[in-house]
N, C-alpha and C. Protein backbone atom coordinates (compact mmCIF):
# COMPACT_ATOMS: atom_id res chain seq x y z
N UNK A 1 138.89 36.54 151.79
CA UNK A 1 138.50 36.06 153.14
C UNK A 1 137.67 36.66 154.16
N UNK A 2 137.13 37.99 154.08
CA UNK A 2 136.71 39.12 155.52
C UNK A 2 135.59 38.86 156.28
N UNK A 3 134.88 37.92 156.05
CA UNK A 3 133.81 37.42 157.04
C UNK A 3 134.43 37.53 158.39
N UNK A 4 133.49 37.47 159.24
CA UNK A 4 133.65 36.73 160.90
C UNK A 4 133.55 35.48 161.12
N UNK A 5 132.92 34.98 159.64
CA UNK A 5 132.03 33.34 160.33
C UNK A 5 131.61 32.91 158.93
N UNK A 6 131.44 31.73 158.58
CA UNK A 6 130.76 30.81 157.71
C UNK A 6 130.49 29.64 158.03
N UNK A 7 129.53 29.26 158.09
CA UNK A 7 128.83 27.93 158.46
C UNK A 7 129.28 26.88 157.62
N UNK A 8 129.22 27.23 156.38
CA UNK A 8 129.40 26.20 155.04
C UNK A 8 130.89 26.10 154.50
N UNK A 9 131.55 26.70 155.36
CA UNK A 9 133.38 26.51 155.39
C UNK A 9 133.89 25.04 155.15
N UNK A 10 134.24 25.08 154.19
CA UNK A 10 135.33 23.61 154.27
C UNK A 10 136.38 23.74 153.33
N UNK A 11 137.09 24.98 153.78
CA UNK A 11 138.41 24.97 153.57
C UNK A 11 139.85 23.75 154.31
N UNK A 12 139.36 23.35 155.37
CA UNK A 12 140.13 22.42 155.75
C UNK A 12 139.79 21.07 155.41
N UNK A 13 140.01 20.27 154.45
CA UNK A 13 139.75 19.11 153.95
C UNK A 13 139.48 18.07 154.92
N UNK A 14 140.20 17.86 156.00
CA UNK A 14 140.32 17.05 157.01
C UNK A 14 139.30 17.60 157.80
N UNK A 15 139.61 18.43 158.17
CA UNK A 15 138.06 18.97 159.21
C UNK A 15 136.86 18.69 158.49
N UNK A 16 136.92 19.02 157.15
CA UNK A 16 135.11 19.03 156.78
C UNK A 16 134.83 17.30 156.59
N UNK A 17 136.13 16.83 156.06
CA UNK A 17 135.72 15.14 156.15
C UNK A 17 135.39 14.43 157.59
N UNK A 18 136.18 14.86 158.73
CA UNK A 18 135.75 14.82 159.90
C UNK A 18 134.04 14.48 159.88
N UNK A 19 134.27 16.11 160.05
CA UNK A 19 132.44 16.66 160.22
C UNK A 19 131.61 15.71 159.22
N UNK A 20 131.85 15.36 158.12
CA UNK A 20 130.87 14.42 156.87
C UNK A 20 130.89 13.48 158.25
N UNK A 21 131.99 12.74 158.41
CA UNK A 21 131.60 11.12 159.48
C UNK A 21 131.03 11.51 160.55
N UNK A 22 130.99 12.45 161.59
CA UNK A 22 130.56 12.70 162.77
C UNK A 22 128.97 12.84 162.11
N UNK A 23 128.50 13.75 160.87
CA UNK A 23 127.14 13.61 161.04
C UNK A 23 126.64 12.33 160.51
N UNK A 24 126.92 11.94 159.96
CA UNK A 24 126.81 10.12 159.97
C UNK A 24 126.60 9.26 160.92
N UNK A 25 127.19 9.41 162.02
CA UNK A 25 127.40 8.55 163.02
C UNK A 25 126.26 9.27 164.32
N UNK A 26 126.34 10.52 164.12
CA UNK A 26 125.45 11.57 164.94
C UNK A 26 124.59 12.20 164.35
N UNK A 27 123.10 11.88 163.67
CA UNK A 27 122.42 11.79 162.73
C UNK A 27 122.36 13.80 163.00
N UNK A 28 121.79 13.76 164.75
CA UNK A 28 121.32 14.69 165.54
C UNK A 28 121.68 15.97 165.88
N UNK A 29 123.58 15.69 165.68
CA UNK A 29 124.74 17.19 166.06
C UNK A 29 124.37 18.02 165.02
N UNK A 30 124.65 19.13 165.53
CA UNK A 30 124.75 20.15 164.83
C UNK A 30 126.11 19.74 163.89
N UNK A 31 126.97 19.34 164.44
CA UNK A 31 128.29 19.43 162.98
C UNK A 31 128.56 19.74 162.13
N UNK A 32 128.76 21.10 162.07
CA UNK A 32 129.32 22.07 161.28
C UNK A 32 130.50 23.28 162.37
N UNK A 33 130.72 24.04 161.02
CA UNK A 33 131.63 25.20 161.86
C UNK A 33 130.81 25.75 162.80
N UNK A 34 130.63 26.17 164.00
CA UNK A 34 130.45 26.50 165.44
C UNK A 34 130.89 28.07 165.31
N UNK A 35 129.41 29.18 165.36
CA UNK A 35 129.73 30.55 165.12
C UNK A 35 129.97 31.03 166.70
N UNK A 36 131.08 31.98 166.85
CA UNK A 36 130.82 33.07 168.34
C UNK A 36 129.34 33.31 168.65
N UNK A 37 129.61 33.20 170.01
CA UNK A 37 128.23 33.31 170.95
C UNK A 37 128.47 34.65 171.61
N UNK A 38 127.56 35.54 171.83
CA UNK A 38 127.28 35.95 172.65
C UNK A 38 127.17 37.88 172.15
N UNK A 39 127.55 38.46 173.04
CA UNK A 39 127.41 40.11 172.66
C UNK A 39 127.79 40.54 171.48
N UNK A 40 126.87 41.29 170.85
CA UNK A 40 127.76 41.84 169.34
C UNK A 40 128.76 42.74 169.57
N UNK A 41 128.75 43.43 170.50
CA UNK A 41 129.61 44.63 170.49
C UNK A 41 130.39 44.89 172.28
N UNK A 42 131.10 43.67 172.76
CA UNK A 42 131.06 43.16 174.26
C UNK A 42 132.20 44.18 174.66
N UNK A 43 133.19 44.38 175.60
CA UNK A 43 134.13 44.89 176.11
C UNK A 43 135.09 42.98 176.64
N UNK A 44 134.47 42.08 176.49
CA UNK A 44 135.51 41.00 176.75
C UNK A 44 135.39 40.01 175.69
N UNK A 45 136.40 39.74 175.25
CA UNK A 45 135.82 38.20 174.19
C UNK A 45 137.17 37.49 174.96
N UNK A 46 136.09 35.96 174.72
CA UNK A 46 137.17 34.69 175.08
C UNK A 46 137.42 33.97 174.25
N UNK A 47 138.53 33.12 173.58
CA UNK A 47 139.30 32.71 172.89
C UNK A 47 139.30 31.36 173.43
N UNK A 48 138.62 30.02 172.58
CA UNK A 48 138.86 28.40 173.02
C UNK A 48 139.36 28.08 172.23
N UNK A 49 139.88 26.70 172.31
CA UNK A 49 140.18 25.95 171.37
C UNK A 49 139.64 25.80 170.27
N UNK A 50 139.28 25.10 170.28
CA UNK A 50 137.66 24.33 169.16
C UNK A 50 136.80 23.89 169.33
N UNK A 51 135.47 23.21 168.93
CA UNK A 51 134.60 22.43 169.89
C UNK A 51 134.42 20.96 169.90
N UNK A 52 133.87 20.74 170.74
CA UNK A 52 134.42 19.21 171.57
C UNK A 52 133.08 18.54 170.94
N UNK A 53 133.60 17.39 170.77
CA UNK A 53 132.85 16.35 170.09
C UNK A 53 131.47 16.48 170.39
N UNK A 54 131.08 15.98 172.06
CA UNK A 54 129.78 15.81 172.16
C UNK A 54 129.19 16.95 173.33
N UNK A 55 130.37 18.41 172.64
CA UNK A 55 129.90 19.75 173.68
C UNK A 55 129.81 20.50 172.25
N UNK A 56 130.41 21.72 171.92
CA UNK A 56 129.57 22.60 170.79
C UNK A 56 129.56 21.63 169.52
N UNK A 57 130.13 21.14 169.43
CA UNK A 57 129.93 20.24 168.27
C UNK A 57 128.52 19.95 167.88
N UNK A 58 127.93 19.48 169.30
CA UNK A 58 126.33 18.45 169.14
C UNK A 58 125.21 19.53 169.36
N UNK A 59 125.84 20.64 170.12
CA UNK A 59 124.82 22.06 170.42
C UNK A 59 124.61 22.90 169.69
N UNK A 60 125.66 23.10 168.54
CA UNK A 60 126.10 24.37 167.91
C UNK A 60 126.69 25.80 168.79
N UNK A 61 127.04 25.86 169.71
CA UNK A 61 127.36 27.05 170.82
C UNK A 61 128.77 26.74 171.21
N UNK A 62 129.52 27.55 171.63
CA UNK A 62 130.65 27.46 172.04
C UNK A 62 130.53 27.07 173.50
N UNK A 63 131.42 25.76 173.72
CA UNK A 63 131.21 25.43 175.29
C UNK A 63 130.17 25.27 176.19
N UNK A 64 129.24 24.41 175.16
CA UNK A 64 127.80 24.02 175.42
C UNK A 64 127.38 22.79 175.50
N UNK A 65 127.24 22.20 176.49
CA UNK A 65 126.89 20.55 176.52
C UNK A 65 127.99 19.76 176.96
N UNK A 66 129.24 20.30 177.20
CA UNK A 66 130.26 19.38 177.96
C UNK A 66 130.94 19.91 178.90
N UNK A 67 131.75 19.26 179.68
CA UNK A 67 132.80 19.55 181.07
C UNK A 67 133.18 21.06 181.08
N UNK A 68 133.54 20.87 179.83
CA UNK A 68 134.49 22.66 179.65
C UNK A 68 133.70 23.40 179.89
N UNK A 69 132.38 23.18 179.95
CA UNK A 69 131.51 24.78 179.68
C UNK A 69 130.94 25.04 181.07
N UNK A 70 130.85 23.86 182.24
CA UNK A 70 130.58 23.91 183.38
C UNK A 70 131.24 25.06 183.91
N UNK A 71 132.31 24.83 184.47
CA UNK A 71 133.34 26.00 184.86
C UNK A 71 133.03 27.64 184.66
N UNK A 72 133.18 27.59 182.86
CA UNK A 72 133.34 28.54 182.68
C UNK A 72 131.60 29.44 183.06
N UNK A 73 130.25 28.81 182.14
CA UNK A 73 129.62 29.54 182.60
C UNK A 73 129.13 29.99 183.60
N UNK A 74 129.55 28.93 184.68
CA UNK A 74 129.43 29.00 186.53
C UNK A 74 129.71 30.27 186.74
N UNK A 75 131.24 30.62 186.14
CA UNK A 75 131.70 31.98 186.21
C UNK A 75 131.50 32.93 185.84
N UNK A 76 130.52 33.29 184.23
CA UNK A 76 130.20 34.47 183.60
C UNK A 76 129.26 34.70 184.31
N UNK A 77 128.25 33.70 184.43
CA UNK A 77 127.57 34.26 185.66
C UNK A 77 128.01 34.98 186.84
N UNK A 78 128.48 34.09 187.76
CA UNK A 78 129.04 34.73 189.10
C UNK A 78 129.28 36.28 188.55
N UNK A 79 130.32 36.60 187.52
CA UNK A 79 130.73 37.88 187.21
C UNK A 79 129.77 38.97 186.38
N UNK A 80 128.45 38.26 186.05
CA UNK A 80 127.63 39.31 185.76
C UNK A 80 127.20 39.75 184.06
N UNK A 81 128.15 38.42 183.68
CA UNK A 81 128.74 38.15 182.21
C UNK A 81 127.27 37.39 181.43
N UNK A 82 126.71 36.34 182.05
CA UNK A 82 125.78 35.41 181.59
C UNK A 82 124.35 35.73 182.38
N UNK A 83 123.64 35.55 181.80
CA UNK A 83 122.04 35.12 182.58
C UNK A 83 121.85 33.96 183.44
N UNK A 84 122.46 33.72 183.31
CA UNK A 84 122.04 31.90 183.87
C UNK A 84 123.60 31.43 184.34
N UNK A 85 124.05 29.97 185.19
CA UNK A 85 125.00 29.60 185.17
C UNK A 85 125.34 28.65 184.81
N UNK A 86 124.14 28.36 183.73
CA UNK A 86 124.56 26.90 182.66
C UNK A 86 123.97 27.10 181.27
N UNK A 87 124.95 26.46 180.67
CA UNK A 87 124.49 26.84 179.12
C UNK A 87 124.13 25.06 178.92
N UNK A 88 122.90 24.48 178.28
CA UNK A 88 122.95 23.45 177.71
C UNK A 88 122.50 23.20 176.81
N UNK A 89 121.71 23.74 175.88
CA UNK A 89 121.67 23.85 174.32
C UNK A 89 121.57 25.50 173.92
N UNK A 90 121.50 25.49 172.40
CA UNK A 90 121.96 26.73 171.34
C UNK A 90 120.03 27.58 172.15
N UNK A 91 119.19 27.08 171.99
CA UNK A 91 117.84 27.59 172.28
C UNK A 91 117.33 27.69 174.43
N UNK A 92 118.40 27.41 174.98
CA UNK A 92 118.08 27.52 176.53
C UNK A 92 117.64 28.93 176.53
N UNK A 93 117.71 29.97 176.10
CA UNK A 93 117.29 31.53 176.16
C UNK A 93 118.85 32.03 177.20
N UNK A 94 119.88 31.30 177.03
CA UNK A 94 121.19 31.95 178.15
C UNK A 94 121.43 33.15 177.35
N UNK A 95 121.48 34.42 177.72
CA UNK A 95 122.03 35.29 177.09
C UNK A 95 123.68 36.07 178.03
N UNK A 96 124.46 36.46 176.52
CA UNK A 96 125.89 37.13 177.52
C UNK A 96 125.54 38.55 177.17
N UNK A 97 126.35 39.05 178.33
CA UNK A 97 126.22 40.62 178.67
C UNK A 97 127.42 41.09 178.57
N UNK A 98 127.92 42.06 177.61
CA UNK A 98 129.50 42.56 177.33
C UNK A 98 130.70 41.46 177.25
N UNK A 99 130.22 40.38 176.94
CA UNK A 99 131.28 39.03 176.19
C UNK A 99 130.86 38.57 175.46
N UNK A 100 131.64 38.06 174.58
CA UNK A 100 131.58 36.81 173.52
C UNK A 100 132.46 35.66 173.57
N UNK A 101 132.22 34.57 173.01
CA UNK A 101 132.47 33.86 172.98
C UNK A 101 133.08 33.00 171.79
N UNK A 102 134.13 33.02 171.32
CA UNK A 102 134.66 32.84 170.06
C UNK A 102 135.87 30.87 170.01
N UNK A 103 136.22 30.15 169.04
CA UNK A 103 137.09 29.41 169.15
C UNK A 103 138.43 29.63 167.91
N UNK A 104 139.23 29.37 167.93
CA UNK A 104 140.64 29.71 167.88
C UNK A 104 140.31 28.73 166.48
N UNK A 105 139.45 27.58 166.52
CA UNK A 105 139.23 27.03 165.40
C UNK A 105 137.78 26.52 165.35
N UNK A 106 137.08 26.80 164.16
CA UNK A 106 135.42 26.69 164.61
C UNK A 106 135.46 25.56 164.53
N UNK A 107 135.77 24.28 163.86
CA UNK A 107 135.29 23.18 163.49
C UNK A 107 136.38 22.35 164.46
N UNK A 108 135.20 21.12 164.32
CA UNK A 108 135.33 20.11 165.12
C UNK A 108 136.66 19.12 164.72
N UNK A 109 137.84 19.20 165.49
CA UNK A 109 139.03 18.24 164.84
C UNK A 109 139.15 17.19 165.60
N UNK A 110 139.41 16.19 164.77
CA UNK A 110 139.73 14.53 165.40
C UNK A 110 140.71 15.00 166.62
N UNK A 111 140.49 13.97 167.91
CA UNK A 111 141.26 13.70 168.89
C UNK A 111 141.17 14.92 169.30
N UNK A 112 140.58 16.31 169.06
CA UNK A 112 140.34 17.25 169.42
C UNK A 112 141.82 18.18 169.44
N UNK A 113 142.71 17.89 168.51
CA UNK A 113 144.17 18.74 168.20
C UNK A 113 143.91 18.82 166.69
N UNK A 114 143.88 20.50 166.18
CA UNK A 114 143.85 20.42 165.50
C UNK A 114 145.36 20.94 164.63
N UNK A 115 145.14 21.00 163.64
CA UNK A 115 146.99 20.89 162.91
C UNK A 115 147.53 22.55 162.64
N UNK A 116 148.82 22.62 162.86
CA UNK A 116 148.87 24.10 162.45
C UNK A 116 148.69 24.67 161.26
N UNK A 117 148.48 24.15 160.08
CA UNK A 117 147.88 24.38 159.04
C UNK A 117 146.23 25.10 158.88
N UNK A 118 145.38 24.47 159.78
CA UNK A 118 143.96 24.26 160.26
C UNK A 118 143.94 25.70 160.94
N UNK A 119 144.84 25.69 162.27
CA UNK A 119 144.73 26.83 162.88
C UNK A 119 145.00 28.21 162.27
N UNK A 120 145.95 28.17 160.85
CA UNK A 120 146.43 29.17 160.51
C UNK A 120 145.49 29.62 159.19
N UNK A 121 144.68 28.64 158.79
CA UNK A 121 143.50 28.39 157.96
C UNK A 121 142.38 29.59 158.71
N UNK A 122 142.07 28.85 159.89
CA UNK A 122 140.52 29.79 160.86
C UNK A 122 140.92 30.57 160.89
N UNK A 123 142.15 31.26 161.41
CA UNK A 123 142.37 32.37 161.88
C UNK A 123 142.42 33.68 160.99
N UNK A 124 142.00 33.69 160.03
CA UNK A 124 141.35 34.71 159.23
C UNK A 124 139.67 35.12 159.78
N UNK A 125 138.84 33.76 160.25
CA UNK A 125 138.02 34.53 160.70
C UNK A 125 138.11 34.68 162.26
N UNK A 126 138.97 34.79 162.49
CA UNK A 126 139.56 35.22 163.64
C UNK A 126 139.84 36.86 163.82
N UNK A 127 140.74 36.87 163.39
CA UNK A 127 141.25 38.20 162.68
C UNK A 127 140.54 38.98 162.76
N UNK A 128 139.42 38.99 161.73
CA UNK A 128 138.05 39.69 161.01
C UNK A 128 137.65 39.68 162.05
N UNK A 129 136.92 38.93 162.80
CA UNK A 129 136.11 39.25 164.38
C UNK A 129 136.70 40.01 165.08
N UNK A 130 138.25 39.94 165.47
CA UNK A 130 138.53 40.90 166.23
C UNK A 130 138.67 42.11 165.63
N UNK A 131 138.63 42.43 164.55
CA UNK A 131 138.98 43.94 163.71
C UNK A 131 137.64 44.35 163.56
N UNK A 132 136.43 43.60 164.14
CA UNK A 132 135.00 44.50 163.84
C UNK A 132 134.81 44.51 165.45
N UNK A 133 135.63 44.11 166.33
CA UNK A 133 134.95 44.46 167.67
C UNK A 133 135.82 46.29 168.42
N UNK A 134 135.46 46.55 169.56
CA UNK A 134 136.08 47.77 169.85
C UNK A 134 137.24 47.63 170.28
N UNK A 135 138.02 48.80 169.66
CA UNK A 135 139.61 48.72 170.03
C UNK A 135 140.15 48.41 171.48
N UNK A 136 139.28 48.35 171.76
CA UNK A 136 139.43 48.08 173.58
C UNK A 136 138.89 47.19 173.92
N UNK A 137 139.14 46.50 173.52
CA UNK A 137 138.66 45.31 173.97
C UNK A 137 139.47 44.05 174.54
N UNK A 138 139.19 43.36 175.61
CA UNK A 138 139.62 42.84 176.26
C UNK A 138 139.92 41.32 175.87
N UNK A 139 141.01 40.31 175.85
CA UNK A 139 140.90 39.24 175.27
C UNK A 139 141.24 38.37 175.75
N UNK A 140 140.75 37.29 176.77
CA UNK A 140 140.85 36.26 177.33
C UNK A 140 141.27 34.71 176.51
N UNK A 141 142.70 34.31 176.24
CA UNK A 141 142.92 33.17 175.77
C UNK A 141 142.69 31.91 176.71
N UNK A 142 141.80 30.93 176.35
CA UNK A 142 141.48 29.73 177.41
C UNK A 142 142.88 28.56 176.67
N UNK A 143 143.91 28.61 177.37
CA UNK A 143 144.63 27.78 176.83
C UNK A 143 146.38 28.29 175.93
N UNK A 144 146.99 27.64 175.13
CA UNK A 144 148.31 28.21 174.28
C UNK A 144 147.65 28.18 172.87
N UNK A 145 147.31 27.48 172.82
CA UNK A 145 146.94 27.49 171.35
C UNK A 145 146.07 28.53 171.25
N UNK A 146 145.22 28.85 172.02
CA UNK A 146 144.20 29.91 171.86
C UNK A 146 144.54 31.29 172.03
N UNK A 147 145.77 31.36 172.72
CA UNK A 147 146.88 32.53 173.22
C UNK A 147 147.64 32.80 171.68
N UNK A 148 148.10 32.07 170.94
CA UNK A 148 148.86 32.01 169.80
C UNK A 148 148.32 32.46 168.74
N UNK A 149 146.98 31.93 168.84
CA UNK A 149 146.13 32.23 167.60
C UNK A 149 145.59 33.68 167.93
N UNK A 150 145.20 34.06 168.96
CA UNK A 150 145.06 35.87 168.93
C UNK A 150 146.06 36.81 168.56
N UNK A 151 147.16 36.00 168.83
CA UNK A 151 148.40 36.96 168.52
C UNK A 151 148.94 37.21 167.13
N UNK A 152 148.63 35.90 166.47
CA UNK A 152 148.82 35.48 165.11
C UNK A 152 147.46 36.44 164.36
N UNK A 153 146.35 36.52 164.96
CA UNK A 153 145.26 37.55 164.12
C UNK A 153 145.24 38.84 164.49
N UNK A 154 146.58 39.36 165.07
CA UNK A 154 146.93 40.86 165.26
C UNK A 154 147.95 41.11 164.44
N UNK A 155 148.44 40.03 164.46
CA UNK A 155 149.84 40.47 163.25
C UNK A 155 151.15 40.27 164.60
N UNK A 156 150.99 39.81 165.83
CA UNK A 156 151.81 40.04 166.60
C UNK A 156 152.93 38.90 167.37
N UNK A 157 154.27 38.79 167.08
CA UNK A 157 155.11 37.87 167.71
C UNK A 157 154.74 36.98 168.82
N UNK A 158 154.85 36.11 168.60
CA UNK A 158 154.59 35.03 170.08
C UNK A 158 155.89 34.96 171.38
N UNK A 159 156.72 35.57 170.19
CA UNK A 159 158.47 35.57 170.74
C UNK A 159 158.32 36.30 171.68
N UNK A 160 156.92 37.86 171.83
CA UNK A 160 157.60 38.75 172.63
C UNK A 160 156.18 38.51 173.80
N UNK A 161 155.41 38.23 173.72
CA UNK A 161 154.59 37.43 174.40
C UNK A 161 154.42 36.10 174.51
N UNK A 162 154.68 35.38 175.62
CA UNK A 162 154.83 33.99 176.02
C UNK A 162 153.57 33.79 176.65
N UNK A 163 152.42 32.85 176.56
CA UNK A 163 151.54 31.94 177.28
C UNK A 163 152.42 32.10 178.53
N UNK A 164 151.43 32.29 179.94
CA UNK A 164 151.67 31.86 181.11
C UNK A 164 150.57 31.73 181.72
N UNK A 165 149.71 31.28 182.60
CA UNK A 165 148.35 30.84 183.16
C UNK A 165 148.73 32.33 184.29
N UNK A 166 147.44 33.16 184.32
CA UNK A 166 147.87 34.36 184.75
C UNK A 166 148.45 35.52 183.87
N UNK A 167 148.85 35.34 183.24
CA UNK A 167 150.00 36.30 182.27
C UNK A 167 148.87 37.28 181.85
N UNK A 168 149.42 38.92 181.91
CA UNK A 168 148.71 39.73 181.31
C UNK A 168 149.71 40.65 180.12
N UNK A 169 149.19 40.97 178.87
CA UNK A 169 149.98 41.57 178.11
C UNK A 169 149.18 42.34 177.34
N UNK A 170 150.18 44.12 177.42
CA UNK A 170 149.14 44.72 177.29
C UNK A 170 149.98 44.78 175.26
N UNK A 171 149.00 44.16 174.61
CA UNK A 171 148.94 44.50 173.31
C UNK A 171 149.07 46.00 172.75
N UNK A 172 148.41 46.74 172.98
CA UNK A 172 148.03 47.95 172.51
C UNK A 172 147.98 48.70 173.78
N UNK A 173 148.27 50.68 173.76
CA UNK A 173 147.40 51.20 174.63
C UNK A 173 146.28 50.78 175.07
N UNK A 174 145.34 49.93 174.51
CA UNK A 174 143.89 50.08 174.22
C UNK A 174 143.67 48.68 174.61
N UNK A 175 144.34 47.82 174.53
CA UNK A 175 144.15 46.03 174.33
C UNK A 175 145.35 45.41 175.16
N UNK A 176 144.74 44.88 176.00
CA UNK A 176 145.39 43.52 176.56
C UNK A 176 144.54 42.02 176.56
N UNK A 177 145.74 41.27 176.64
CA UNK A 177 145.70 39.80 176.13
C UNK A 177 145.98 39.18 177.84
N UNK A 178 144.46 38.32 178.00
CA UNK A 178 144.68 37.41 179.44
C UNK A 178 144.90 35.96 179.34
N UNK A 179 146.27 35.17 179.77
CA UNK A 179 146.30 33.94 179.44
C UNK A 179 145.45 33.21 180.52
N UNK A 180 144.96 32.06 180.07
CA UNK A 180 144.36 31.24 181.66
C UNK A 180 144.20 29.80 181.22
N UNK A 181 144.68 28.77 181.96
CA UNK A 181 144.39 26.88 181.29
C UNK A 181 143.10 27.33 180.94
N UNK A 182 142.96 26.42 180.01
CA UNK A 182 141.81 25.79 179.54
C UNK A 182 140.71 25.11 180.71
N UNK A 183 139.42 25.40 180.79
CA UNK A 183 138.64 25.30 181.69
C UNK A 183 138.41 23.25 181.13
N UNK A 184 139.38 22.54 180.32
CA UNK A 184 138.99 21.27 180.09
C UNK A 184 138.67 20.53 181.25
N UNK A 185 138.00 19.14 181.04
CA UNK A 185 137.78 18.05 182.20
C UNK A 185 139.22 17.83 182.86
N UNK A 186 140.24 18.11 181.76
CA UNK A 186 141.46 17.27 182.23
C UNK A 186 142.32 18.50 183.53
N UNK A 187 142.20 19.50 182.91
CA UNK A 187 142.82 20.28 184.09
C UNK A 187 141.93 21.11 185.14
N UNK A 188 140.79 20.73 185.07
CA UNK A 188 139.47 20.81 186.29
C UNK A 188 140.00 19.24 186.75
N UNK A 189 139.90 18.15 186.82
CA UNK A 189 139.92 17.73 187.72
C UNK A 189 141.19 16.89 187.99
N UNK A 190 142.33 17.17 187.35
CA UNK A 190 143.88 17.42 187.97
C UNK A 190 143.83 18.44 188.81
N UNK A 191 143.50 19.47 188.62
CA UNK A 191 143.57 20.63 189.85
C UNK A 191 144.50 21.26 188.94
N UNK A 192 144.49 21.05 187.77
CA UNK A 192 146.13 22.35 186.96
C UNK A 192 145.49 23.70 187.08
N UNK A 193 143.82 23.54 187.09
CA UNK A 193 143.08 24.92 187.16
C UNK A 193 141.86 24.70 188.02
N UNK A 194 142.05 25.25 188.84
CA UNK A 194 141.32 25.33 190.19
C UNK A 194 140.09 26.29 189.93
N UNK A 195 139.10 26.05 190.34
CA UNK A 195 137.35 27.39 190.18
C UNK A 195 138.19 28.46 191.27
N UNK A 196 138.93 28.61 192.17
CA UNK A 196 139.84 29.59 193.02
C UNK A 196 140.61 30.28 191.77
N UNK A 197 141.57 29.49 190.48
CA UNK A 197 142.63 30.10 190.02
C UNK A 197 141.67 30.62 189.08
N UNK A 198 140.33 30.63 188.36
CA UNK A 198 139.89 30.72 187.09
C UNK A 198 139.01 32.15 187.29
N UNK A 199 138.57 32.24 189.00
CA UNK A 199 137.99 33.44 189.11
C UNK A 199 139.01 34.48 189.56
N UNK A 200 140.17 34.20 189.66
CA UNK A 200 141.12 34.88 190.09
C UNK A 200 141.44 35.80 188.85
N UNK A 201 141.57 35.12 187.66
CA UNK A 201 141.46 35.43 186.26
C UNK A 201 140.73 36.98 186.17
N UNK A 202 139.10 36.31 186.29
CA UNK A 202 137.99 37.41 186.01
C UNK A 202 138.20 38.49 186.77
N UNK A 203 138.80 37.91 187.99
CA UNK A 203 138.92 39.63 189.26
C UNK A 203 139.69 40.33 188.59
N UNK A 204 140.66 39.74 188.14
CA UNK A 204 142.27 41.04 187.58
C UNK A 204 141.36 41.18 186.29
N UNK A 205 140.96 40.55 185.21
CA UNK A 205 140.05 41.19 184.33
C UNK A 205 138.84 42.23 184.37
N UNK A 206 138.20 41.69 185.60
CA UNK A 206 137.04 43.09 185.95
C UNK A 206 138.10 44.31 186.49
N UNK A 207 138.55 43.94 187.13
CA UNK A 207 139.41 45.05 188.32
C UNK A 207 140.19 45.97 186.99
N UNK A 208 140.78 45.64 185.95
CA UNK A 208 141.28 46.49 185.57
C UNK A 208 140.36 47.19 184.15
N UNK A 209 138.94 46.78 184.61
CA UNK A 209 138.56 46.90 183.40
C UNK A 209 137.79 48.57 184.07
N UNK A 210 137.37 48.24 185.40
CA UNK A 210 137.22 49.29 186.53
C UNK A 210 137.29 49.78 186.17
N UNK A 211 139.36 50.42 186.32
CA UNK A 211 140.15 51.27 186.68
C UNK A 211 140.24 51.66 185.73
N UNK A 212 140.15 51.47 184.40
CA UNK A 212 139.94 52.14 183.00
C UNK A 212 138.59 52.98 182.98
N UNK A 213 138.05 52.55 183.72
CA UNK A 213 136.09 53.74 183.47
C UNK A 213 136.79 54.59 184.10
N UNK A 214 137.50 54.38 185.31
CA UNK A 214 137.27 55.92 186.47
C UNK A 214 138.68 56.23 186.11
N UNK A 215 139.46 56.20 185.17
CA UNK A 215 140.39 56.64 184.41
C UNK A 215 139.48 57.74 183.39
N UNK A 216 139.06 57.07 182.72
CA UNK A 216 138.13 57.81 182.02
C UNK A 216 136.99 58.96 182.31
């Protein structure tokens, strides 16, 4: 399997079965593997965990329609990546510039917790997606699972690059991995992740990008 996404994928029996149940319970929901969203040739790739039940799983767009996307899209708009500060539906006209959003696991997992085998199975899609992007792509991992999935996709040892909020990992001469706590409802409401902390991560990413452009 070398494609970057497959909307009909049923390779993980537990996830495929759960999605079938969700489609029966919520007939109007998208309830399929959620595709990446954004610029086809971005300089920033944002990797989340997995679709939320009433968010991306409902709308078919990453981080759209639930609490986790509020801070993300507001921030993307603030830093010039998004055409508007809110992502309401897949047909709302929002566009991303220089940025692309994907997930470590493309299907909704029960209780928002994918199993390790499911992360490995879906990692082939993430690996193919990263290979198709520019070699100097900056990658932002939202949470430890996304961080580990990125390293797995690149064939790099997680023991060498430990997850830590605000950490920056030089994965190659031209590629960096940035870590941030996930912008989930729990993290933002408990203030484990504040707006200022989130913006600081994007400040660093954009500053590094501008420095690279100046050097060129």
